[in-house]
Amino acid sequence: MKLISIAHAGVISDAPKLSGVALNVLNFLLSVFGIIAIISLVVAGVVYLTAGGSEQRIETAKKITLYSIIGIAVALAAMVIVRQIAGIIG
């Protein structure tokens, strides 16, 4: 009688670590935020170029640019913090 080999499921030790999962999620979110930031910077440029001397539209474009840059800084800071915590945890 011939034995049939059965595929074995991975054991718990083969599962990715929590730090690895967090880094993967963070990289995905950072990609999404990066795309949104680039789009918002382009929108700010278009608003600024089409302002036609309107102080209100120029201020709107400046605010959009400022908030886009702040968003990029926050996303990068989150990446640094998560990577540091992941390095400590292991």
PDB file of N, CA and C in Angstrom:
ATOM      1  N   MET A   1       0.839  -1.156   0.000  1.00  0.00           N
ATOM      2  CA  MET A   1       0.000   0.000   0.000  1.00  0.00           C
ATOM      3  C   MET A   1       0.895   1.233   0.000  1.00  0.00           C
ATOM      4  N   LYS A   2       0.547   2.187  -0.849  1.00  0.00           N
ATOM      5  CA  LYS A   2       1.357   3.385  -1.012  1.00  0.00           C
ATOM      6  C   LYS A   2       0.760   4.534  -0.191  1.00  0.00           C
ATOM      7  N   LEU A   3       1.622   5.232   0.527  1.00  0.00           N
ATOM      8  CA  LEU A   3       1.167   6.373   1.327  1.00  0.00           C
ATOM      9  C   LEU A   3       1.074   7.620   0.452  1.00  0.00           C
ATOM     10  N   ILE A   4       0.036   8.348   0.631  1.00  0.00           N
ATOM     11  CA  ILE A   4      -0.156   9.590  -0.118  1.00  0.00           C
ATOM     12  C   ILE A   4       0.316  10.738   0.766  1.00  0.00           C
ATOM     13  N   SER A   5       1.191  11.571   0.200  1.00  0.00           N
ATOM     14  CA  SER A   5       1.664  12.705   0.996  1.00  0.00           C
ATOM     15  C   SER A   5       0.597  13.798   1.007  1.00  0.00           C
ATOM     16  N   ILE A   6       0.425  14.362   2.128  1.00  0.00           N
ATOM     17  CA  ILE A   6      -0.576  15.408   2.312  1.00  0.00           C
ATOM     18  C   ILE A   6       0.158  16.716   2.534  1.00  0.00           C
ATOM     19  N   ALA A   7      -0.294  17.779   1.857  1.00  0.00           N
ATOM     20  CA  ALA A   7       0.329  19.088   2.038  1.00  0.00           C
ATOM     21  C   ALA A   7       0.086  19.560   3.464  1.00  0.00           C
ATOM     22  N   HIS A   8       1.116  20.057   4.067  1.00  0.00           N
ATOM     23  CA  HIS A   8       1.014  20.521   5.443  1.00  0.00           C
ATOM     24  C   HIS A   8       0.833  22.031   5.461  1.00  0.00           C
ATOM     25  N   ALA A   9      -0.069  22.463   6.254  1.00  0.00           N
ATOM     26  CA  ALA A   9      -0.262  23.899   6.433  1.00  0.00           C
ATOM     27  C   ALA A   9       0.889  24.444   7.260  1.00  0.00           C
ATOM     28  N   GLY A  10       1.209  25.709   7.050  1.00  0.00           N
ATOM     29  CA  GLY A  10       2.277  26.326   7.817  1.00  0.00           C
ATOM     30  C   GLY A  10       1.908  26.418   9.282  1.00  0.00           C
ATOM     31  N   VAL A  11       2.887  26.318  10.111  1.00  0.00           N
ATOM     32  CA  VAL A  11       2.641  26.416  11.543  1.00  0.00           C
ATOM     33  C   VAL A  11       2.663  27.868  11.957  1.00  0.00           C
ATOM     34  N   ILE A  12       2.287  28.121  13.170  1.00  0.00           N
ATOM     35  CA  ILE A  12       2.191  29.488  13.674  1.00  0.00           C
ATOM     36  C   ILE A  12       3.536  30.206  13.571  1.00  0.00           C
ATOM     37  N   SER A  13       4.618  29.504  13.732  1.00  0.00           N
ATOM     38  CA  SER A  13       5.921  30.165  13.680  1.00  0.00           C
ATOM     39  C   SER A  13       6.236  30.679  12.283  1.00  0.00           C
ATOM     40  N   ASP A  14       5.526  30.180  11.258  1.00  0.00           N
ATOM     41  CA  ASP A  14       5.740  30.671   9.901  1.00  0.00           C
ATOM     42  C   ASP A  14       4.970  31.962   9.624  1.00  0.00           C
ATOM     43  N   ALA A  15       4.087  32.348  10.501  1.00  0.00           N
ATOM     44  CA  ALA A  15       3.279  33.548  10.297  1.00  0.00           C
ATOM     45  C   ALA A  15       4.157  34.788  10.404  1.00  0.00           C
ATOM     46  N   PRO A  16       3.820  35.829   9.649  1.00  0.00           N
ATOM     47  CA  PRO A  16       4.620  37.053   9.737  1.00  0.00           C
ATOM     48  C   PRO A  16       4.479  37.700  11.116  1.00  0.00           C
ATOM     49  N   LYS A  17       5.543  38.359  11.522  1.00  0.00           N
ATOM     50  CA  LYS A  17       5.514  39.036  12.819  1.00  0.00           C
ATOM     51  C   LYS A  17       4.638  40.281  12.738  1.00  0.00           C
ATOM     52  N   LEU A  18       4.188  40.729  13.885  1.00  0.00           N
ATOM     53  CA  LEU A  18       3.347  41.916  13.954  1.00  0.00           C
ATOM     54  C   LEU A  18       4.076  43.129  13.399  1.00  0.00           C
ATOM     55  N   SER A  19       5.376  43.228  13.657  1.00  0.00           N
ATOM     56  CA  SER A  19       6.141  44.364  13.146  1.00  0.00           C
ATOM     57  C   SER A  19       6.194  44.337  11.626  1.00  0.00           C
ATOM     58  N   GLY A  20       6.293  43.144  11.040  1.00  0.00           N
ATOM     59  CA  GLY A  20       6.304  43.031   9.586  1.00  0.00           C
ATOM     60  C   GLY A  20       4.978  43.432   8.971  1.00  0.00           C
ATOM     61  N   VAL A  21       3.896  43.026   9.620  1.00  0.00           N
ATOM     62  CA  VAL A  21       2.566  43.394   9.142  1.00  0.00           C
ATOM     63  C   VAL A  21       2.376  44.902   9.246  1.00  0.00           C
ATOM     64  N   ALA A  22       2.796  45.490  10.359  1.00  0.00           N
ATOM     65  CA  ALA A  22       2.677  46.941  10.545  1.00  0.00           C
ATOM     66  C   ALA A  22       3.484  47.690   9.489  1.00  0.00           C
ATOM     67  N   LEU A  23       4.681  47.213   9.176  1.00  0.00           N
ATOM     68  CA  LEU A  23       5.493  47.874   8.153  1.00  0.00           C
ATOM     69  C   LEU A  23       4.843  47.754   6.778  1.00  0.00           C
ATOM     70  N   ASN A  24       4.247  46.606   6.477  1.00  0.00           N
ATOM     71  CA  ASN A  24       3.569  46.450   5.194  1.00  0.00           C
ATOM     72  C   ASN A  24       2.367  47.384   5.086  1.00  0.00           C
ATOM     73  N   VAL A  25       1.583  47.473   6.151  1.00  0.00           N
ATOM     74  CA  VAL A  25       0.430  48.371   6.155  1.00  0.00           C
ATOM     75  C   VAL A  25       0.897  49.814   6.031  1.00  0.00           C
ATOM     76  N   LEU A  26       1.949  50.169   6.755  1.00  0.00           N
ATOM     77  CA  LEU A  26       2.457  51.534   6.699  1.00  0.00           C
ATOM     78  C   LEU A  26       2.970  51.876   5.305  1.00  0.00           C
ATOM     79  N   ASN A  27       3.681  50.963   4.680  1.00  0.00           N
ATOM     80  CA  ASN A  27       4.170  51.221   3.323  1.00  0.00           C
ATOM     81  C   ASN A  27       3.016  51.425   2.348  1.00  0.00           C
ATOM     82  N   PHE A  28       1.957  50.633   2.498  1.00  0.00           N
ATOM     83  CA  PHE A  28       0.787  50.811   1.641  1.00  0.00           C
ATOM     84  C   PHE A  28       0.145  52.176   1.872  1.00  0.00           C
ATOM     85  N   LEU A  29      -0.074  52.517   3.139  1.00  0.00           N
ATOM     86  CA  LEU A  29      -0.698  53.803   3.448  1.00  0.00           C
ATOM     87  C   LEU A  29       0.170  54.967   3.016  1.00  0.00           C
ATOM     88  N   LEU A  30       1.484  54.823   3.157  1.00  0.00           N
ATOM     89  CA  LEU A  30       2.386  55.881   2.726  1.00  0.00           C
ATOM     90  C   LEU A  30       2.307  56.068   1.220  1.00  0.00           C
ATOM     91  N   SER A  31       2.141  54.994   0.487  1.00  0.00           N
ATOM     92  CA  SER A  31       1.966  55.102  -0.966  1.00  0.00           C
ATOM     93  C   SER A  31       0.682  55.852  -1.299  1.00  0.00           C
ATOM     94  N   VAL A  32      -0.386  55.510  -0.602  1.00  0.00           N
ATOM     95  CA  VAL A  32      -1.664  56.188  -0.833  1.00  0.00           C
ATOM     96  C   VAL A  32      -1.546  57.667  -0.482  1.00  0.00           C
ATOM     97  N   PHE A  33      -0.965  57.977   0.674  1.00  0.00           N
ATOM     98  CA  PHE A  33      -0.810  59.375   1.069  1.00  0.00           C
ATOM     99  C   PHE A  33       0.104  60.128   0.117  1.00  0.00           C
ATOM    100  N   GLY A  34       1.119  59.463  -0.401  1.00  0.00           N
ATOM    101  CA  GLY A  34       2.016  60.103  -1.358  1.00  0.00           C
ATOM    102  C   GLY A  34       1.285  60.485  -2.629  1.00  0.00           C
ATOM    103  N   ILE A  35       0.446  59.589  -3.123  1.00  0.00           N
ATOM    104  CA  ILE A  35      -0.328  59.885  -4.330  1.00  0.00           C
ATOM    105  C   ILE A  35      -1.294  61.037  -4.070  1.00  0.00           C
ATOM    106  N   ILE A  36      -1.959  61.000  -2.925  1.00  0.00           N
ATOM    107  CA  ILE A  36      -2.894  62.079  -2.584  1.00  0.00           C
ATOM    108  C   ILE A  36      -2.155  63.402  -2.435  1.00  0.00           C
ATOM    109  N   ALA A  37      -0.966  63.389  -1.828  1.00  0.00           N
ATOM    110  CA  ALA A  37      -0.193  64.617  -1.646  1.00  0.00           C
ATOM    111  C   ALA A  37       0.238  65.195  -2.986  1.00  0.00           C
ATOM    112  N   ILE A  38       0.665  64.342  -3.909  1.00  0.00           N
ATOM    113  CA  ILE A  38       1.070  64.830  -5.227  1.00  0.00           C
ATOM    114  C   ILE A  38      -0.124  65.429  -5.964  1.00  0.00           C
ATOM    115  N   ILE A  39      -1.268  64.760  -5.875  1.00  0.00           N
ATOM    116  CA  ILE A  39      -2.467  65.287  -6.527  1.00  0.00           C
ATOM    117  C   ILE A  39      -2.855  66.629  -5.918  1.00  0.00           C
ATOM    118  N   SER A  40      -2.789  66.744  -4.593  1.00  0.00           N
ATOM    119  CA  SER A  40      -3.182  68.007  -3.954  1.00  0.00           C
ATOM    120  C   SER A  40      -2.188  69.121  -4.277  1.00  0.00           C
ATOM    121  N   LEU A  41      -0.905  68.779  -4.426  1.00  0.00           N
ATOM    122  CA  LEU A  41       0.058  69.805  -4.826  1.00  0.00           C
ATOM    123  C   LEU A  41      -0.200  70.275  -6.256  1.00  0.00           C
ATOM    124  N   VAL A  42      -0.586  69.365  -7.128  1.00  0.00           N
ATOM    125  CA  VAL A  42      -0.930  69.752  -8.506  1.00  0.00           C
ATOM    126  C   VAL A  42      -2.175  70.632  -8.502  1.00  0.00           C
ATOM    127  N   VAL A  43      -3.168  70.260  -7.690  1.00  0.00           N
ATOM    128  CA  VAL A  43      -4.382  71.081  -7.589  1.00  0.00           C
ATOM    129  C   VAL A  43      -4.041  72.471  -7.075  1.00  0.00           C
ATOM    130  N   ALA A  44      -3.171  72.550  -6.081  1.00  0.00           N
ATOM    131  CA  ALA A  44      -2.763  73.855  -5.551  1.00  0.00           C
ATOM    132  C   ALA A  44      -2.076  74.686  -6.634  1.00  0.00           C
ATOM    133  N   GLY A  45      -1.242  74.042  -7.439  1.00  0.00           N
ATOM    134  CA  GLY A  45      -0.586  74.762  -8.530  1.00  0.00           C
ATOM    135  C   GLY A  45      -1.570  75.277  -9.555  1.00  0.00           C
ATOM    136  N   VAL A  46      -2.561  74.458  -9.886  1.00  0.00           N
ATOM    137  CA  VAL A  46      -3.573  74.883 -10.857  1.00  0.00           C
ATOM    138  C   VAL A  46      -4.398  76.034 -10.294  1.00  0.00           C
ATOM    139  N   VAL A  47      -4.770  75.947  -9.036  1.00  0.00           N
ATOM    140  CA  VAL A  47      -5.540  77.029  -8.409  1.00  0.00           C
ATOM    141  C   VAL A  47      -4.708  78.312  -8.393  1.00  0.00           C
ATOM    142  N   TYR A  48      -3.421  78.191  -8.102  1.00  0.00           N
ATOM    143  CA  TYR A  48      -2.554  79.371  -8.058  1.00  0.00           C
ATOM    144  C   TYR A  48      -2.398  79.983  -9.451  1.00  0.00           C
ATOM    145  N   LEU A  49      -2.209  79.126 -10.453  1.00  0.00           N
ATOM    146  CA  LEU A  49      -2.024  79.639 -11.809  1.00  0.00           C
ATOM    147  C   LEU A  49      -3.290  80.258 -12.376  1.00  0.00           C
ATOM    148  N   THR A  50      -4.448  79.765 -11.975  1.00  0.00           N
ATOM    149  CA  THR A  50      -5.701  80.302 -12.494  1.00  0.00           C
ATOM    150  C   THR A  50      -6.321  81.357 -11.579  1.00  0.00           C
ATOM    151  N   ALA A  51      -5.567  81.815 -10.584  1.00  0.00           N
ATOM    152  CA  ALA A  51      -6.107  82.786  -9.629  1.00  0.00           C
ATOM    153  C   ALA A  51      -6.420  84.115 -10.304  1.00  0.00           C
ATOM    154  N   GLY A  52      -5.626  84.499 -11.261  1.00  0.00           N
ATOM    155  CA  GLY A  52      -5.885  85.745 -11.980  1.00  0.00           C
ATOM    156  C   GLY A  52      -5.827  86.968 -11.088  1.00  0.00           C
ATOM    157  N   GLY A  53      -4.980  86.933 -10.077  1.00  0.00           N
ATOM    158  CA  GLY A  53      -4.831  88.084  -9.189  1.00  0.00           C
ATOM    159  C   GLY A  53      -5.805  88.094  -8.022  1.00  0.00           C
ATOM    160  N   SER A  54      -6.676  87.135  -7.926  1.00  0.00           N
ATOM    161  CA  SER A  54      -7.629  87.064  -6.824  1.00  0.00           C
ATOM    162  C   SER A  54      -6.895  86.637  -5.553  1.00  0.00           C
ATOM    163  N   GLU A  55      -6.892  87.521  -4.580  1.00  0.00           N
ATOM    164  CA  GLU A  55      -6.179  87.242  -3.321  1.00  0.00           C
ATOM    165  C   GLU A  55      -6.765  86.024  -2.602  1.00  0.00           C
ATOM    166  N   GLN A  56      -8.071  85.854  -2.694  1.00  0.00           N
ATOM    167  CA  GLN A  56      -8.715  84.731  -2.006  1.00  0.00           C
ATOM    168  C   GLN A  56      -8.256  83.396  -2.608  1.00  0.00           C
ATOM    169  N   ARG A  57      -8.187  83.306  -3.933  1.00  0.00           N
ATOM    170  CA  ARG A  57      -7.746  82.059  -4.579  1.00  0.00           C
ATOM    171  C   ARG A  57      -6.261  81.813  -4.338  1.00  0.00           C
ATOM    172  N   ILE A  58      -5.475  82.875  -4.283  1.00  0.00           N
ATOM    173  CA  ILE A  58      -4.040  82.716  -3.993  1.00  0.00           C
ATOM    174  C   ILE A  58      -3.860  82.173  -2.580  1.00  0.00           C
ATOM    175  N   GLU A  59      -4.606  82.715  -1.629  1.00  0.00           N
ATOM    176  CA  GLU A  59      -4.533  82.214  -0.248  1.00  0.00           C
ATOM    177  C   GLU A  59      -5.007  80.764  -0.157  1.00  0.00           C
ATOM    178  N   THR A  60      -6.045  80.419  -0.916  1.00  0.00           N
ATOM    179  CA  THR A  60      -6.515  79.033  -0.944  1.00  0.00           C
ATOM    180  C   THR A  60      -5.427  78.104  -1.456  1.00  0.00           C
ATOM    181  N   ALA A  61      -4.751  78.510  -2.520  1.00  0.00           N
ATOM    182  CA  ALA A  61      -3.668  77.690  -3.074  1.00  0.00           C
ATOM    183  C   ALA A  61      -2.524  77.541  -2.071  1.00  0.00           C
ATOM    184  N   LYS A  62      -2.209  78.610  -1.370  1.00  0.00           N
ATOM    185  CA  LYS A  62      -1.148  78.544  -0.355  1.00  0.00           C
ATOM    186  C   LYS A  62      -1.534  77.595   0.786  1.00  0.00           C
ATOM    187  N   LYS A  63      -2.802  77.627   1.200  1.00  0.00           N
ATOM    188  CA  LYS A  63      -3.264  76.734   2.267  1.00  0.00           C
ATOM    189  C   LYS A  63      -3.221  75.278   1.820  1.00  0.00           C
ATOM    190  N   ILE A  64      -3.643  75.027   0.583  1.00  0.00           N
ATOM    191  CA  ILE A  64      -3.600  73.655   0.066  1.00  0.00           C
ATOM    192  C   ILE A  64      -2.163  73.150   0.050  1.00  0.00           C
ATOM    193  N   THR A  65      -1.234  73.995  -0.403  1.00  0.00           N
ATOM    194  CA  THR A  65       0.176  73.612  -0.438  1.00  0.00           C
ATOM    195  C   THR A  65       0.700  73.340   0.965  1.00  0.00           C
ATOM    196  N   LEU A  66       0.380  74.216   1.899  1.00  0.00           N
ATOM    197  CA  LEU A  66       0.839  74.057   3.275  1.00  0.00           C
ATOM    198  C   LEU A  66       0.317  72.759   3.888  1.00  0.00           C
ATOM    199  N   TYR A  67      -0.977  72.500   3.720  1.00  0.00           N
ATOM    200  CA  TYR A  67      -1.553  71.288   4.293  1.00  0.00           C
ATOM    201  C   TYR A  67      -1.020  70.030   3.622  1.00  0.00           C
ATOM    202  N   SER A  68      -0.711  70.107   2.348  1.00  0.00           N
ATOM    203  CA  SER A  68      -0.117  68.960   1.661  1.00  0.00           C
ATOM    204  C   SER A  68       1.261  68.642   2.223  1.00  0.00           C
ATOM    205  N   ILE A  69       2.051  69.669   2.431  1.00  0.00           N
ATOM    206  CA  ILE A  69       3.392  69.474   2.980  1.00  0.00           C
ATOM    207  C   ILE A  69       3.329  68.965   4.412  1.00  0.00           C
ATOM    208  N   ILE A  70       2.390  69.489   5.209  1.00  0.00           N
ATOM    209  CA  ILE A  70       2.214  69.001   6.577  1.00  0.00           C
ATOM    210  C   ILE A  70       1.795  67.530   6.564  1.00  0.00           C
ATOM    211  N   GLY A  71       0.920  67.156   5.652  1.00  0.00           N
ATOM    212  CA  GLY A  71       0.496  65.760   5.537  1.00  0.00           C
ATOM    213  C   GLY A  71       1.656  64.839   5.186  1.00  0.00           C
ATOM    214  N   ILE A  72       2.518  65.284   4.282  1.00  0.00           N
ATOM    215  CA  ILE A  72       3.692  64.487   3.918  1.00  0.00           C
ATOM    216  C   ILE A  72       4.610  64.326   5.125  1.00  0.00           C
ATOM    217  N   ALA A  73       4.806  65.408   5.871  1.00  0.00           N
ATOM    218  CA  ALA A  73       5.675  65.347   7.049  1.00  0.00           C
ATOM    219  C   ALA A  73       5.111  64.400   8.108  1.00  0.00           C
ATOM    220  N   VAL A  74       3.810  64.444   8.322  1.00  0.00           N
ATOM    221  CA  VAL A  74       3.182  63.553   9.305  1.00  0.00           C
ATOM    222  C   VAL A  74       3.310  62.094   8.865  1.00  0.00           C
ATOM    223  N   ALA A  75       3.106  61.834   7.586  1.00  0.00           N
ATOM    224  CA  ALA A  75       3.219  60.462   7.082  1.00  0.00           C
ATOM    225  C   ALA A  75       4.649  59.945   7.231  1.00  0.00           C
ATOM    226  N   LEU A  76       5.627  60.774   6.924  1.00  0.00           N
ATOM    227  CA  LEU A  76       7.020  60.351   7.074  1.00  0.00           C
ATOM    228  C   LEU A  76       7.386  60.155   8.543  1.00  0.00           C
ATOM    229  N   ALA A  77       6.873  61.016   9.414  1.00  0.00           N
ATOM    230  CA  ALA A  77       7.133  60.849  10.845  1.00  0.00           C
ATOM    231  C   ALA A  77       6.514  59.556  11.357  1.00  0.00           C
ATOM    232  N   ALA A  78       5.315  59.221  10.884  1.00  0.00           N
ATOM    233  CA  ALA A  78       4.678  57.966  11.286  1.00  0.00           C
ATOM    234  C   ALA A  78       5.508  56.768  10.833  1.00  0.00           C
ATOM    235  N   MET A  79       6.070  56.868   9.623  1.00  0.00           N
ATOM    236  CA  MET A  79       6.909  55.779   9.129  1.00  0.00           C
ATOM    237  C   MET A  79       8.141  55.603  10.004  1.00  0.00           C
ATOM    238  N   VAL A  80       8.773  56.694  10.373  1.00  0.00           N
ATOM    239  CA  VAL A  80       9.964  56.619  11.230  1.00  0.00           C
ATOM    240  C   VAL A  80       9.608  56.023  12.590  1.00  0.00           C
ATOM    241  N   ILE A  81       8.513  56.466  13.176  1.00  0.00           N
ATOM    242  CA  ILE A  81       8.119  55.978  14.494  1.00  0.00           C
ATOM    243  C   ILE A  81       7.807  54.480  14.447  1.00  0.00           C
ATOM    244  N   VAL A  82       7.054  54.054  13.439  1.00  0.00           N
ATOM    245  CA  VAL A  82       6.705  52.622  13.362  1.00  0.00           C
ATOM    246  C   VAL A  82       7.943  51.778  13.123  1.00  0.00           C
ATOM    247  N   ARG A  83       8.860  52.247  12.285  1.00  0.00           N
ATOM    248  CA  ARG A  83      10.088  51.469  12.051  1.00  0.00           C
ATOM    249  C   ARG A  83      10.939  51.397  13.300  1.00  0.00           C
ATOM    250  N   GLN A  84      10.998  52.443  14.081  1.00  0.00           N
ATOM    251  CA  GLN A  84      11.756  52.416  15.329  1.00  0.00           C
ATOM    252  C   GLN A  84      11.125  51.443  16.311  1.00  0.00           C
ATOM    253  N   ILE A  85       9.816  51.485  16.434  1.00  0.00           N
ATOM    254  CA  ILE A  85       9.124  50.570  17.348  1.00  0.00           C
ATOM    255  C   ILE A  85       9.298  49.128  16.870  1.00  0.00           C
ATOM    256  N   ALA A  86       9.213  48.908  15.558  1.00  0.00           N
ATOM    257  CA  ALA A  86       9.389  47.567  15.012  1.00  0.00           C
ATOM    258  C   ALA A  86      10.816  47.077  15.271  1.00  0.00           C
ATOM    259  N   GLY A  87      11.784  47.978  15.206  1.00  0.00           N
ATOM    260  CA  GLY A  87      13.168  47.595  15.511  1.00  0.00           C
ATOM    261  C   GLY A  87      13.369  47.235  16.965  1.00  0.00           C
ATOM    262  N   ILE A  88      12.674  47.917  17.840  1.00  0.00           N
ATOM    263  CA  ILE A  88      12.785  47.626  19.271  1.00  0.00           C
ATOM    264  C   ILE A  88      12.110  46.309  19.609  1.00  0.00           C
ATOM    265  N   ILE A  89      10.903  46.120  19.045  1.00  0.00           N
ATOM    266  CA  ILE A  89      10.155  44.898  19.310  1.00  0.00           C
ATOM    267  C   ILE A  89      10.852  43.682  18.703  1.00  0.00           C
ATOM    268  N   GLY A  90      11.365  43.872  17.500  1.00  0.00           N
ATOM    269  CA  GLY A  90      12.101  42.783  16.856  1.00  0.00           C
ATOM    270  C   GLY A  90      11.359  42.206  15.785  1.00  0.00           C
TER     271      GLY A  90
END
